[in-house]
Amino acid sequence: MILDYLLEDMVAFDVKADDAADAITSATKLLSDAGAVTTEYIDDVLAAYERFGAYIVLVPHVAIPHAQPSGKTNKSAISFVRLKEPVVFGHSTNDPVHYVMALAGKDEDKNIELLRDLMGFLSSETIMTGIAQVSNYKEFSLLVKEVLG
């Protein structure tokens, strides 16, 4: 289940971000602070965004920043950041971004699995409506459990 990788210390609400890089840093720092990735992983994710652009805004209003699996990932994890104000990432149809969900897979297979799980999570209209309204991890996790089982 997605909550196995999205723990309480990897969730933050109403985070202020000045731009896309700031939003990405906020989400990946949660992974680093939790010990899931090294601080160098943050640099890799920012470099990927700079190189490839807004492809990480996979669905409307949600960015999923990530980097290639490497020795900079200690364990597979996902973070969730709800931004206080939306940020433009440069995507032609899915901007502005309200939510940033950084992911770190221990290997390529886990990266793909986590991305697939996130896409299922984000395809739920109930989830998308609910994450705008919850105010803490308990409410967040109850919403996820209620919808995804």
Foldseek 3Di string as FASTA:
>chain_A
DQCVFEDQLQEEEAAAAPADLRQLLVNVVSCCVVVQFPVVQNVQQSVCCVVPFQVQLPAAQEGETGHAADPRGPAWHKHKYAHNDWHCRPDPPRDGHGMYIYTYHNHPVRVVVSVVVVVVQVVDPQLVVQVVPDDGVVSNVVSCVVVVD
